[in-house]
PDB file of N, CA and C in Angstrom:
ATOM      1  N   MET A   1       0.978  -1.167  -0.204  1.00  0.00           N
ATOM      2  CA  MET A   1       0.078   0.345  -0.215  1.00  0.00           C
ATOM      3  C   MET A   1       0.987   1.488   0.134  1.00  0.00           C
ATOM      4  N   GLU A   2       0.349   1.949  -0.543  1.00  0.00           N
ATOM      5  CA  GLU A   2       1.265   3.652  -1.010  1.00  0.00           C
ATOM      6  C   GLU A   2       0.927   4.413   0.493  1.00  0.00           C
ATOM      7  N   GLU A   3       2.065   5.218   1.179  1.00  0.00           N
ATOM      8  CA  GLU A   3       2.410   5.503   2.152  1.00  0.00           C
ATOM      9  C   GLU A   3       1.353   7.026   1.651  1.00  0.00           C
ATOM     10  N   ALA A   4       0.387   7.705   2.532  1.00  0.00           N
ATOM     11  CA  ALA A   4      -0.256   8.831   1.912  1.00  0.00           C
ATOM     12  C   ALA A   4       1.534  10.405   2.303  1.00  0.00           C
ATOM     13  N   LYS A   5       1.140  11.239   1.247  1.00  0.00           N
ATOM     14  CA  LYS A   5       2.032  12.627   1.276  1.00  0.00           C
ATOM     15  C   LYS A   5       1.634  13.130   1.891  1.00  0.00           C
ATOM     16  N   SER A   6       1.687  14.082   2.576  1.00  0.00           N
ATOM     17  CA  SER A   6       1.579  14.893   3.783  1.00  0.00           C
ATOM     18  C   SER A   6       0.913  16.218   2.846  1.00  0.00           C
ATOM     19  N   ILE A   7       0.354  17.191   3.157  1.00  0.00           N
ATOM     20  CA  ILE A   7      -0.121  18.217   2.343  1.00  0.00           C
ATOM     21  C   ILE A   7       0.054  19.333   3.028  1.00  0.00           C
ATOM     22  N   VAL A   8       0.611  20.249   1.833  1.00  0.00           N
ATOM     23  CA  VAL A   8       0.999  21.578   2.943  1.00  0.00           C
ATOM     24  C   VAL A   8      -0.264  22.601   2.783  1.00  0.00           C
ATOM     25  N   VAL A   9      -1.467  23.361   3.766  1.00  0.00           N
ATOM     26  CA  VAL A   9      -2.337  24.094   3.673  1.00  0.00           C
ATOM     27  C   VAL A   9      -2.206  25.245   4.366  1.00  0.00           C
ATOM     28  N   GLN A  10      -1.940  26.611   4.010  1.00  0.00           N
ATOM     29  CA  GLN A  10      -2.105  27.615   4.453  1.00  0.00           C
ATOM     30  C   GLN A  10      -3.472  28.400   4.654  1.00  0.00           C
ATOM     31  N   LEU A  11      -3.289  28.583   6.164  1.00  0.00           N
ATOM     32  CA  LEU A  11      -4.738  28.419   7.022  1.00  0.00           C
ATOM     33  C   LEU A  11      -4.237  30.015   7.272  1.00  0.00           C
ATOM     34  N   TYR A  12      -5.121  31.593   6.968  1.00  0.00           N
ATOM     35  CA  TYR A  12      -5.096  32.598   7.292  1.00  0.00           C
ATOM     36  C   TYR A  12      -6.373  32.822   7.941  1.00  0.00           C
ATOM     37  N   CYS A  13      -6.010  33.495   8.970  1.00  0.00           N
ATOM     38  CA  CYS A  13      -7.086  33.849   9.995  1.00  0.00           C
ATOM     39  C   CYS A  13      -6.683  35.676  10.874  1.00  0.00           C
ATOM     40  N   ARG A  14      -7.801  36.520  10.561  1.00  0.00           N
ATOM     41  CA  ARG A  14      -7.861  37.535  10.681  1.00  0.00           C
ATOM     42  C   ARG A  14      -9.013  37.643  11.911  1.00  0.00           C
ATOM     43  N   PHE A  15      -8.610  38.537  13.505  1.00  0.00           N
ATOM     44  CA  PHE A  15      -9.581  38.889  14.557  1.00  0.00           C
ATOM     45  C   PHE A  15      -9.703  39.957  14.326  1.00  0.00           C
ATOM     46  N   GLU A  16     -10.983  40.887  14.924  1.00  0.00           N
ATOM     47  CA  GLU A  16     -10.835  42.187  15.300  1.00  0.00           C
ATOM     48  C   GLU A  16     -11.579  41.939  16.313  1.00  0.00           C
ATOM     49  N   ILE A  17     -10.847  42.526  17.673  1.00  0.00           N
ATOM     50  CA  ILE A  17     -11.138  42.988  19.222  1.00  0.00           C
ATOM     51  C   ILE A  17     -11.047  44.468  19.292  1.00  0.00           C
ATOM     52  N   THR A  18     -11.908  44.358  20.127  1.00  0.00           N
ATOM     53  CA  THR A  18     -11.565  45.870  21.305  1.00  0.00           C
ATOM     54  C   THR A  18     -10.967  45.464  22.700  1.00  0.00           C
ATOM     55  N   VAL A  19     -10.497  46.259  22.505  1.00  0.00           N
ATOM     56  CA  VAL A  19      -9.797  46.117  24.095  1.00  0.00           C
ATOM     57  C   VAL A  19      -9.885  47.107  25.081  1.00  0.00           C
ATOM     58  N   ASP A  20     -11.141  46.669  25.879  1.00  0.00           N
ATOM     59  CA  ASP A  20     -11.398  48.124  26.929  1.00  0.00           C
ATOM     60  C   ASP A  20     -10.698  48.046  28.291  1.00  0.00           C
ATOM     61  N   ASP A  21      -9.737  47.609  28.276  1.00  0.00           N
ATOM     62  CA  ASP A  21      -8.779  46.724  29.570  1.00  0.00           C
ATOM     63  C   ASP A  21      -7.182  46.768  29.412  1.00  0.00           C
ATOM     64  N   SER A  22      -5.962  48.278  28.557  1.00  0.00           N
ATOM     65  CA  SER A  22      -5.073  47.623  28.528  1.00  0.00           C
ATOM     66  C   SER A  22      -4.566  46.880  29.332  1.00  0.00           C
ATOM     67  N   GLU A  23      -4.639  47.126  30.704  1.00  0.00           N
ATOM     68  CA  GLU A  23      -3.644  46.792  31.612  1.00  0.00           C
ATOM     69  C   GLU A  23      -3.940  45.319  31.335  1.00  0.00           C
ATOM     70  N   ALA A  24      -5.343  44.821  31.792  1.00  0.00           N
ATOM     71  CA  ALA A  24      -5.310  43.063  32.233  1.00  0.00           C
ATOM     72  C   ALA A  24      -4.811  42.596  31.155  1.00  0.00           C
ATOM     73  N   VAL A  25      -4.491  43.476  29.619  1.00  0.00           N
ATOM     74  CA  VAL A  25      -3.855  42.818  28.725  1.00  0.00           C
ATOM     75  C   VAL A  25      -2.362  42.690  28.522  1.00  0.00           C
ATOM     76  N   PHE A  26      -1.873  43.739  29.016  1.00  0.00           N
ATOM     77  CA  PHE A  26      -0.011  43.675  29.815  1.00  0.00           C
ATOM     78  C   PHE A  26      -0.428  42.682  30.200  1.00  0.00           C
ATOM     79  N   GLU A  27      -0.963  42.405  31.751  1.00  0.00           N
ATOM     80  CA  GLU A  27      -1.045  41.633  32.548  1.00  0.00           C
ATOM     81  C   GLU A  27      -0.616  40.461  32.002  1.00  0.00           C
ATOM     82  N   ALA A  28      -1.780  39.678  31.607  1.00  0.00           N
ATOM     83  CA  ALA A  28      -2.020  38.767  30.518  1.00  0.00           C
ATOM     84  C   ALA A  28      -0.663  38.495  30.151  1.00  0.00           C
ATOM     85  N   ALA A  29      -0.296  38.868  28.974  1.00  0.00           N
ATOM     86  CA  ALA A  29       1.148  38.639  28.518  1.00  0.00           C
ATOM     87  C   ALA A  29       2.121  38.655  29.241  1.00  0.00           C
ATOM     88  N   GLU A  30       2.031  39.372  30.090  1.00  0.00           N
ATOM     89  CA  GLU A  30       3.628  39.394  31.072  1.00  0.00           C
ATOM     90  C   GLU A  30       3.121  37.790  31.760  1.00  0.00           C
ATOM     91  N   ARG A  31       2.210  37.575  32.105  1.00  0.00           N
ATOM     92  CA  ARG A  31       2.216  36.104  32.807  1.00  0.00           C
ATOM     93  C   ARG A  31       2.534  35.217  32.054  1.00  0.00           C
ATOM     94  N   ARG A  32       2.058  35.110  30.733  1.00  0.00           N
ATOM     95  CA  ARG A  32       3.089  34.140  29.569  1.00  0.00           C
ATOM     96  C   ARG A  32       4.250  34.125  29.149  1.00  0.00           C
ATOM     97  N   LEU A  33       4.461  35.283  29.687  1.00  0.00           N
ATOM     98  CA  LEU A  33       5.734  35.386  29.030  1.00  0.00           C
ATOM     99  C   LEU A  33       7.023  35.513  30.118  1.00  0.00           C
ATOM    100  N   ARG A  34       6.530  34.943  31.713  1.00  0.00           N
ATOM    101  CA  ARG A  34       6.878  34.775  33.194  1.00  0.00           C
ATOM    102  C   ARG A  34       6.643  33.072  32.287  1.00  0.00           C
ATOM    103  N   ALA A  35       5.817  32.541  32.521  1.00  0.00           N
ATOM    104  CA  ALA A  35       5.543  31.044  32.299  1.00  0.00           C
ATOM    105  C   ALA A  35       5.932  30.744  31.116  1.00  0.00           C
ATOM    106  N   ALA A  36       6.079  31.290  30.682  1.00  0.00           N
ATOM    107  CA  ALA A  36       7.011  30.543  29.175  1.00  0.00           C
ATOM    108  C   ALA A  36       8.442  30.215  29.248  1.00  0.00           C
ATOM    109  N   ASP A  37       8.449  28.898  28.647  1.00  0.00           N
ATOM    110  CA  ASP A  37      10.022  27.794  28.868  1.00  0.00           C
ATOM    111  C   ASP A  37      10.679  28.735  28.407  1.00  0.00           C
ATOM    112  N   ILE A  38      11.614  29.502  27.980  1.00  0.00           N
ATOM    113  CA  ILE A  38      12.362  30.370  27.352  1.00  0.00           C
ATOM    114  C   ILE A  38      13.784  30.196  28.309  1.00  0.00           C
ATOM    115  N   ASP A  39      14.449  29.928  27.386  1.00  0.00           N
ATOM    116  CA  ASP A  39      16.062  30.043  28.165  1.00  0.00           C
ATOM    117  C   ASP A  39      17.038  31.329  28.208  1.00  0.00           C
ATOM    118  N   TRP A  40      16.290  31.996  29.101  1.00  0.00           N
ATOM    119  CA  TRP A  40      16.719  33.865  29.291  1.00  0.00           C
ATOM    120  C   TRP A  40      17.796  33.146  29.101  1.00  0.00           C
ATOM    121  N   PRO A  41      18.897  34.404  28.701  1.00  0.00           N
ATOM    122  CA  PRO A  41      20.323  34.300  29.100  1.00  0.00           C
ATOM    123  C   PRO A  41      20.399  34.502  29.724  1.00  0.00           C
ATOM    124  N   SER A  42      22.395  34.482  30.297  1.00  0.00           N
ATOM    125  CA  SER A  42      22.584  34.719  31.724  1.00  0.00           C
ATOM    126  C   SER A  42      22.739  36.175  32.177  1.00  0.00           C
ATOM    127  N   GLU A  43      22.214  37.272  30.920  1.00  0.00           N
ATOM    128  CA  GLU A  43      22.379  38.595  31.004  1.00  0.00           C
ATOM    129  C   GLU A  43      21.439  38.724  32.436  1.00  0.00           C
ATOM    130  N   PRO A  44      21.461  39.378  33.629  1.00  0.00           N
ATOM    131  CA  PRO A  44      20.851  39.975  34.415  1.00  0.00           C
ATOM    132  C   PRO A  44      19.821  40.908  33.604  1.00  0.00           C
ATOM    133  N   GLY A  45      18.993  40.960  34.107  1.00  0.00           N
ATOM    134  CA  GLY A  45      17.563  41.793  33.567  1.00  0.00           C
ATOM    135  C   GLY A  45      17.244  41.192  32.420  1.00  0.00           C
ATOM    136  N   ALA A  46      17.517  40.509  31.627  1.00  0.00           N
ATOM    137  CA  ALA A  46      17.072  40.040  30.012  1.00  0.00           C
ATOM    138  C   ALA A  46      15.393  39.809  30.293  1.00  0.00           C
ATOM    139  N   LEU A  47      14.640  39.352  31.504  1.00  0.00           N
ATOM    140  CA  LEU A  47      13.564  38.850  31.392  1.00  0.00           C
ATOM    141  C   LEU A  47      12.805  40.719  31.533  1.00  0.00           C
ATOM    142  N   GLU A  48      13.442  40.991  32.741  1.00  0.00           N
ATOM    143  CA  GLU A  48      12.712  42.333  32.710  1.00  0.00           C
ATOM    144  C   GLU A  48      12.558  43.086  31.999  1.00  0.00           C
ATOM    145  N   GLU A  49      13.582  43.438  31.155  1.00  0.00           N
ATOM    146  CA  GLU A  49      13.811  43.811  29.897  1.00  0.00           C
ATOM    147  C   GLU A  49      13.089  43.657  28.617  1.00  0.00           C
ATOM    148  N   ALA A  50      12.573  42.404  28.615  1.00  0.00           N
ATOM    149  CA  ALA A  50      11.364  41.907  27.562  1.00  0.00           C
ATOM    150  C   ALA A  50      10.158  41.853  28.435  1.00  0.00           C
ATOM    151  N   VAL A  51       9.759  42.389  29.349  1.00  0.00           N
ATOM    152  CA  VAL A  51       8.269  42.219  30.135  1.00  0.00           C
ATOM    153  C   VAL A  51       8.125  43.882  29.854  1.00  0.00           C
ATOM    154  N   ALA A  52       9.506  44.706  29.719  1.00  0.00           N
ATOM    155  CA  ALA A  52       8.634  46.577  29.694  1.00  0.00           C
ATOM    156  C   ALA A  52       8.235  46.650  28.367  1.00  0.00           C
ATOM    157  N   GLY A  53       9.440  45.955  28.042  1.00  0.00           N
ATOM    158  CA  GLY A  53       8.827  46.027  26.398  1.00  0.00           C
ATOM    159  C   GLY A  53       7.852  45.912  25.646  1.00  0.00           C
ATOM    160  N   LEU A  54       6.995  44.545  26.160  1.00  0.00           N
ATOM    161  CA  LEU A  54       5.799  44.112  25.914  1.00  0.00           C
ATOM    162  C   LEU A  54       4.752  44.836  26.885  1.00  0.00           C
ATOM    163  N   ARG A  55       5.624  45.095  27.702  1.00  0.00           N
ATOM    164  CA  ARG A  55       4.010  45.982  28.381  1.00  0.00           C
ATOM    165  C   ARG A  55       4.314  47.825  28.501  1.00  0.00           C
ATOM    166  N   SER A  56       5.045  48.026  27.283  1.00  0.00           N
ATOM    167  CA  SER A  56       4.868  49.311  26.437  1.00  0.00           C
ATOM    168  C   SER A  56       4.333  49.562  24.860  1.00  0.00           C
ATOM    169  N   ASP A  57       4.370  48.619  24.584  1.00  0.00           N
ATOM    170  CA  ASP A  57       3.214  47.642  23.199  1.00  0.00           C
ATOM    171  C   ASP A  57       2.634  46.608  23.243  1.00  0.00           C
ATOM    172  N   LEU A  58       0.692  47.969  22.913  1.00  0.00           N
ATOM    173  CA  LEU A  58      -0.271  46.902  22.932  1.00  0.00           C
ATOM    174  C   LEU A  58      -0.307  46.080  21.891  1.00  0.00           C
ATOM    175  N   GLU A  59       0.162  45.980  21.111  1.00  0.00           N
ATOM    176  CA  GLU A  59       0.229  45.545  20.061  1.00  0.00           C
ATOM    177  C   GLU A  59       0.489  44.349  20.063  1.00  0.00           C
ATOM    178  N   GLN A  60       1.891  44.642  20.355  1.00  0.00           N
ATOM    179  CA  GLN A  60       2.635  43.050  20.506  1.00  0.00           C
ATOM    180  C   GLN A  60       2.003  42.696  22.085  1.00  0.00           C
ATOM    181  N   SER A  61       1.738  43.162  22.914  1.00  0.00           N
ATOM    182  CA  SER A  61       0.853  42.041  23.686  1.00  0.00           C
ATOM    183  C   SER A  61      -0.101  41.293  23.672  1.00  0.00           C
ATOM    184  N   VAL A  62      -1.146  42.329  22.438  1.00  0.00           N
ATOM    185  CA  VAL A  62      -1.933  40.807  22.151  1.00  0.00           C
ATOM    186  C   VAL A  62      -1.401  40.074  20.633  1.00  0.00           C
ATOM    187  N   ALA A  63      -0.398  40.343  20.149  1.00  0.00           N
ATOM    188  CA  ALA A  63      -0.069  39.602  19.613  1.00  0.00           C
ATOM    189  C   ALA A  63       1.087  38.507  19.849  1.00  0.00           C
ATOM    190  N   SER A  64       1.210  38.311  21.081  1.00  0.00           N
ATOM    191  CA  SER A  64       1.805  38.002  22.305  1.00  0.00           C
ATOM    192  C   SER A  64       0.883  36.470  22.513  1.00  0.00           C
ATOM    193  N   LEU A  65      -0.645  37.491  23.022  1.00  0.00           N
ATOM    194  CA  LEU A  65      -1.441  35.683  23.613  1.00  0.00           C
ATOM    195  C   LEU A  65      -1.635  35.178  22.146  1.00  0.00           C
ATOM    196  N   VAL A  66      -1.944  35.257  21.401  1.00  0.00           N
ATOM    197  CA  VAL A  66      -2.439  34.692  19.733  1.00  0.00           C
ATOM    198  C   VAL A  66      -0.821  32.569  20.475  1.00  0.00           C
ATOM    199  N   ASP A  67      -1.516  31.813  20.403  1.00  0.00           N
ATOM    200  CA  ASP A  67      -0.970  30.645  20.716  1.00  0.00           C
ATOM    201  C   ASP A  67      -1.766  29.707  19.662  1.00  0.00           C
ATOM    202  N   PRO A  68      -0.869  29.695  18.391  1.00  0.00           N
ATOM    203  CA  PRO A  68      -1.276  29.061  16.885  1.00  0.00           C
ATOM    204  C   PRO A  68      -1.555  27.332  16.902  1.00  0.00           C
ATOM    205  N   ASP A  69      -0.382  26.624  17.999  1.00  0.00           N
ATOM    206  CA  ASP A  69      -0.289  24.975  18.574  1.00  0.00           C
ATOM    207  C   ASP A  69      -1.153  25.022  19.363  1.00  0.00           C
ATOM    208  N   ARG A  70      -2.304  25.923  19.752  1.00  0.00           N
ATOM    209  CA  ARG A  70      -3.734  25.290  20.675  1.00  0.00           C
ATOM    210  C   ARG A  70      -4.569  25.574  19.892  1.00  0.00           C
ATOM    211  N   VAL A  71      -4.520  25.848  18.670  1.00  0.00           N
ATOM    212  CA  VAL A  71      -5.849  26.113  18.026  1.00  0.00           C
ATOM    213  C   VAL A  71      -6.367  24.826  17.696  1.00  0.00           C
ATOM    214  N   LEU A  72      -5.432  24.094  16.852  1.00  0.00           N
ATOM    215  CA  LEU A  72      -5.530  22.814  16.625  1.00  0.00           C
ATOM    216  C   LEU A  72      -5.308  21.510  17.059  1.00  0.00           C
ATOM    217  N   ALA A  73      -4.360  22.021  18.321  1.00  0.00           N
ATOM    218  CA  ALA A  73      -3.982  20.781  19.138  1.00  0.00           C
ATOM    219  C   ALA A  73      -4.777  19.491  19.534  1.00  0.00           C
ATOM    220  N   ASP A  74      -5.794  19.373  19.495  1.00  0.00           N
ATOM    221  CA  ASP A  74      -6.899  18.139  19.451  1.00  0.00           C
ATOM    222  C   ASP A  74      -6.960  17.158  18.357  1.00  0.00           C
ATOM    223  N   VAL A  75      -6.448  18.157  17.599  1.00  0.00           N
ATOM    224  CA  VAL A  75      -6.924  17.729  16.057  1.00  0.00           C
ATOM    225  C   VAL A  75      -5.836  16.512  15.679  1.00  0.00           C
ATOM    226  N   ALA A  76      -6.267  15.344  15.391  1.00  0.00           N
ATOM    227  CA  ALA A  76      -5.010  14.175  14.722  1.00  0.00           C
ATOM    228  C   ALA A  76      -4.542  14.488  13.587  1.00  0.00           C
ATOM    229  N   GLY A  77      -3.487  14.081  13.164  1.00  0.00           N
ATOM    230  CA  GLY A  77      -3.361  13.855  11.562  1.00  0.00           C
ATOM    231  C   GLY A  77      -2.667  15.397  11.300  1.00  0.00           C
ATOM    232  N   MET A  78      -2.395  16.428  11.814  1.00  0.00           N
ATOM    233  CA  MET A  78      -2.901  17.857  11.979  1.00  0.00           C
ATOM    234  C   MET A  78      -1.195  18.345  12.361  1.00  0.00           C
ATOM    235  N   ASP A  79      -0.414  18.804  11.914  1.00  0.00           N
ATOM    236  CA  ASP A  79       0.679  19.769  13.076  1.00  0.00           C
ATOM    237  C   ASP A  79       0.800  20.517  12.554  1.00  0.00           C
ATOM    238  N   VAL A  80       0.915  21.703  13.219  1.00  0.00           N
ATOM    239  CA  VAL A  80       1.083  23.209  12.919  1.00  0.00           C
ATOM    240  C   VAL A  80       2.606  23.504  12.967  1.00  0.00           C
ATOM    241  N   ARG A  81       2.851  23.618  12.057  1.00  0.00           N
ATOM    242  CA  ARG A  81       4.792  24.112  11.516  1.00  0.00           C
ATOM    243  C   ARG A  81       5.575  24.812  12.088  1.00  0.00           C
ATOM    244  N   ARG A  82       4.508  26.165  11.710  1.00  0.00           N
ATOM    245  CA  ARG A  82       4.857  27.261  11.758  1.00  0.00           C
ATOM    246  C   ARG A  82       3.861  28.549  11.381  1.00  0.00           C
ATOM    247  N   GLY A  83       3.512  29.288  12.205  1.00  0.00           N
ATOM    248  CA  GLY A  83       2.968  30.567  11.823  1.00  0.00           C
ATOM    249  C   GLY A  83       3.416  32.358  11.710  1.00  0.00           C
ATOM    250  N   ARG A  84       2.483  33.175  11.265  1.00  0.00           N
ATOM    251  CA  ARG A  84       2.603  34.418  11.235  1.00  0.00           C
ATOM    252  C   ARG A  84       1.212  34.933  11.490  1.00  0.00           C
ATOM    253  N   TRP A  85       2.068  35.689  12.367  1.00  0.00           N
ATOM    254  CA  TRP A  85       0.640  36.504  13.216  1.00  0.00           C
ATOM    255  C   TRP A  85       0.882  37.993  13.053  1.00  0.00           C
ATOM    256  N   TRP A  86       0.076  38.705  13.617  1.00  0.00           N
ATOM    257  CA  TRP A  86       0.652  40.244  14.325  1.00  0.00           C
ATOM    258  C   TRP A  86      -0.665  40.943  15.057  1.00  0.00           C
ATOM    259  N   ALA A  87      -0.776  42.044  15.200  1.00  0.00           N
ATOM    260  CA  ALA A  87      -1.542  42.744  15.225  1.00  0.00           C
ATOM    261  C   ALA A  87      -1.474  44.134  15.097  1.00  0.00           C
ATOM    262  N   GLU A  88      -2.313  45.140  14.870  1.00  0.00           N
ATOM    263  CA  GLU A  88      -2.393  46.247  14.416  1.00  0.00           C
ATOM    264  C   GLU A  88      -3.650  47.287  15.051  1.00  0.00           C
ATOM    265  N   ILE A  89      -3.326  47.999  15.928  1.00  0.00           N
ATOM    266  CA  ILE A  89      -4.060  49.624  15.786  1.00  0.00           C
ATOM    267  C   ILE A  89      -4.895  50.029  14.608  1.00  0.00           C
ATOM    268  N   GLY A  90      -6.249  49.827  14.300  1.00  0.00           N
ATOM    269  CA  GLY A  90      -6.982  50.550  13.229  1.00  0.00           C
ATOM    270  C   GLY A  90      -7.726  49.491  12.754  1.00  0.00           C
ATOM    271  N   GLY A  91      -8.542  49.888  11.943  1.00  0.00           N
ATOM    272  CA  GLY A  91      -9.158  49.133  10.590  1.00  0.00           C
ATOM    273  C   GLY A  91      -8.763  48.122  10.202  1.00  0.00           C
ATOM    274  N   PRO A  92      -8.800  47.109   8.796  1.00  0.00           N
ATOM    275  CA  PRO A  92      -8.322  45.850   8.153  1.00  0.00           C
ATOM    276  C   PRO A  92      -7.362  46.268   7.670  1.00  0.00           C
ATOM    277  N   SER A  93      -6.240  45.532   7.310  1.00  0.00           N
ATOM    278  CA  SER A  93      -5.219  46.138   6.614  1.00  0.00           C
ATOM    279  C   SER A  93      -5.291  45.481   5.454  1.00  0.00           C
ATOM    280  N   GLU A  94      -4.885  46.411   4.516  1.00  0.00           N
ATOM    281  CA  GLU A  94      -4.589  45.943   2.558  1.00  0.00           C
ATOM    282  C   GLU A  94      -4.198  45.032   2.247  1.00  0.00           C
ATOM    283  N   ARG A  95      -2.757  44.444   3.306  1.00  0.00           N
ATOM    284  CA  ARG A  95      -2.609  43.099   3.388  1.00  0.00           C
ATOM    285  C   ARG A  95      -3.294  42.383   3.142  1.00  0.00           C
ATOM    286  N   PHE A  96      -3.937  42.370   4.100  1.00  0.00           N
ATOM    287  CA  PHE A  96      -4.983  41.260   4.478  1.00  0.00           C
ATOM    288  C   PHE A  96      -5.763  40.664   3.008  1.00  0.00           C
ATOM    289  N   GLN A  97      -5.500  40.549   2.380  1.00  0.00           N
ATOM    290  CA  GLN A  97      -6.589  40.572   1.448  1.00  0.00           C
ATOM    291  C   GLN A  97      -6.146  39.330   0.681  1.00  0.00           C
ATOM    292  N   PRO A  98      -7.223  38.447  -0.510  1.00  0.00           N
ATOM    293  CA  PRO A  98      -6.682  37.728  -1.189  1.00  0.00           C
ATOM    294  C   PRO A  98      -5.578  38.193  -1.959  1.00  0.00           C
ATOM    295  N   GLY A  99      -4.469  37.351  -1.464  1.00  0.00           N
ATOM    296  CA  GLY A  99      -3.245  37.618  -2.732  1.00  0.00           C
ATOM    297  C   GLY A  99      -2.228  38.755  -1.981  1.00  0.00           C
ATOM    298  N   PHE A 100      -2.906  38.841  -0.908  1.00  0.00           N
ATOM    299  CA  PHE A 100      -1.417  39.996   0.051  1.00  0.00           C
ATOM    300  C   PHE A 100      -0.172  39.949  -0.041  1.00  0.00           C
ATOM    301  N   ARG A 101       0.158  40.947   0.201  1.00  0.00           N
ATOM    302  CA  ARG A 101       1.580  41.311   0.060  1.00  0.00           C
ATOM    303  C   ARG A 101       2.580  40.704   1.180  1.00  0.00           C
ATOM    304  N   SER A 102       3.923  40.658   1.011  1.00  0.00           N
ATOM    305  CA  SER A 102       4.319  40.387   2.211  1.00  0.00           C
ATOM    306  C   SER A 102       4.912  41.602   2.968  1.00  0.00           C
ATOM    307  N   LEU A 103       4.510  41.338   4.764  1.00  0.00           N
ATOM    308  CA  LEU A 103       5.124  42.661   5.481  1.00  0.00           C
ATOM    309  C   LEU A 103       6.531  43.281   5.033  1.00  0.00           C
ATOM    310  N   ASP A 104       7.750  42.410   4.297  1.00  0.00           N
ATOM    311  CA  ASP A 104       8.542  42.816   4.358  1.00  0.00           C
ATOM    312  C   ASP A 104       8.510  43.989   2.669  1.00  0.00           C
ATOM    313  N   ALA A 105       7.374  43.229   2.038  1.00  0.00           N
ATOM    314  CA  ALA A 105       7.203  44.609   0.472  1.00  0.00           C
ATOM    315  C   ALA A 105       6.728  45.582   0.938  1.00  0.00           C
ATOM    316  N   GLU A 106       6.660  45.923   2.305  1.00  0.00           N
ATOM    317  CA  GLU A 106       5.983  47.516   2.403  1.00  0.00           C
ATOM    318  C   GLU A 106       7.067  48.187   2.819  1.00  0.00           C
ATOM    319  N   THR A 107       8.547  47.968   3.101  1.00  0.00           N
ATOM    320  CA  THR A 107       9.264  48.710   3.466  1.00  0.00           C
ATOM    321  C   THR A 107      10.415  48.970   2.940  1.00  0.00           C
TER     322      THR A 107
END
C-alpha cells in the first residue's frame, strides 16, 4: 500500500478585537511571558527588559497572546509547523486580502 503524502495547507486568520482594559492585556501577556519555557540568557535583567518592552506595546502584547499550537492541538493527523501573525491598531489591513503582500514588501 502506498504511503500517504503530507499536504501543506495555508490557513489565514484575522480577528477584530476591542481592548477595553489595556492593563489587563499587559498583565496577561506578562504572565504568559514569565511562564514560557524560555531559556533566558545569563545576562541579568533580560527577562525584566523583555517584560518592560511587552508592557509598552499593546499590539505586541495582543499578538503575544495568540497561540496557534492550541488552535488545532486536539486534531489528529495535523501538525502546526509554523505561523505568522501580528496585531495592528485600527481598521483592516490592505495586506490581509486575497493575494496579500508580504510585510517585508512594504518597507
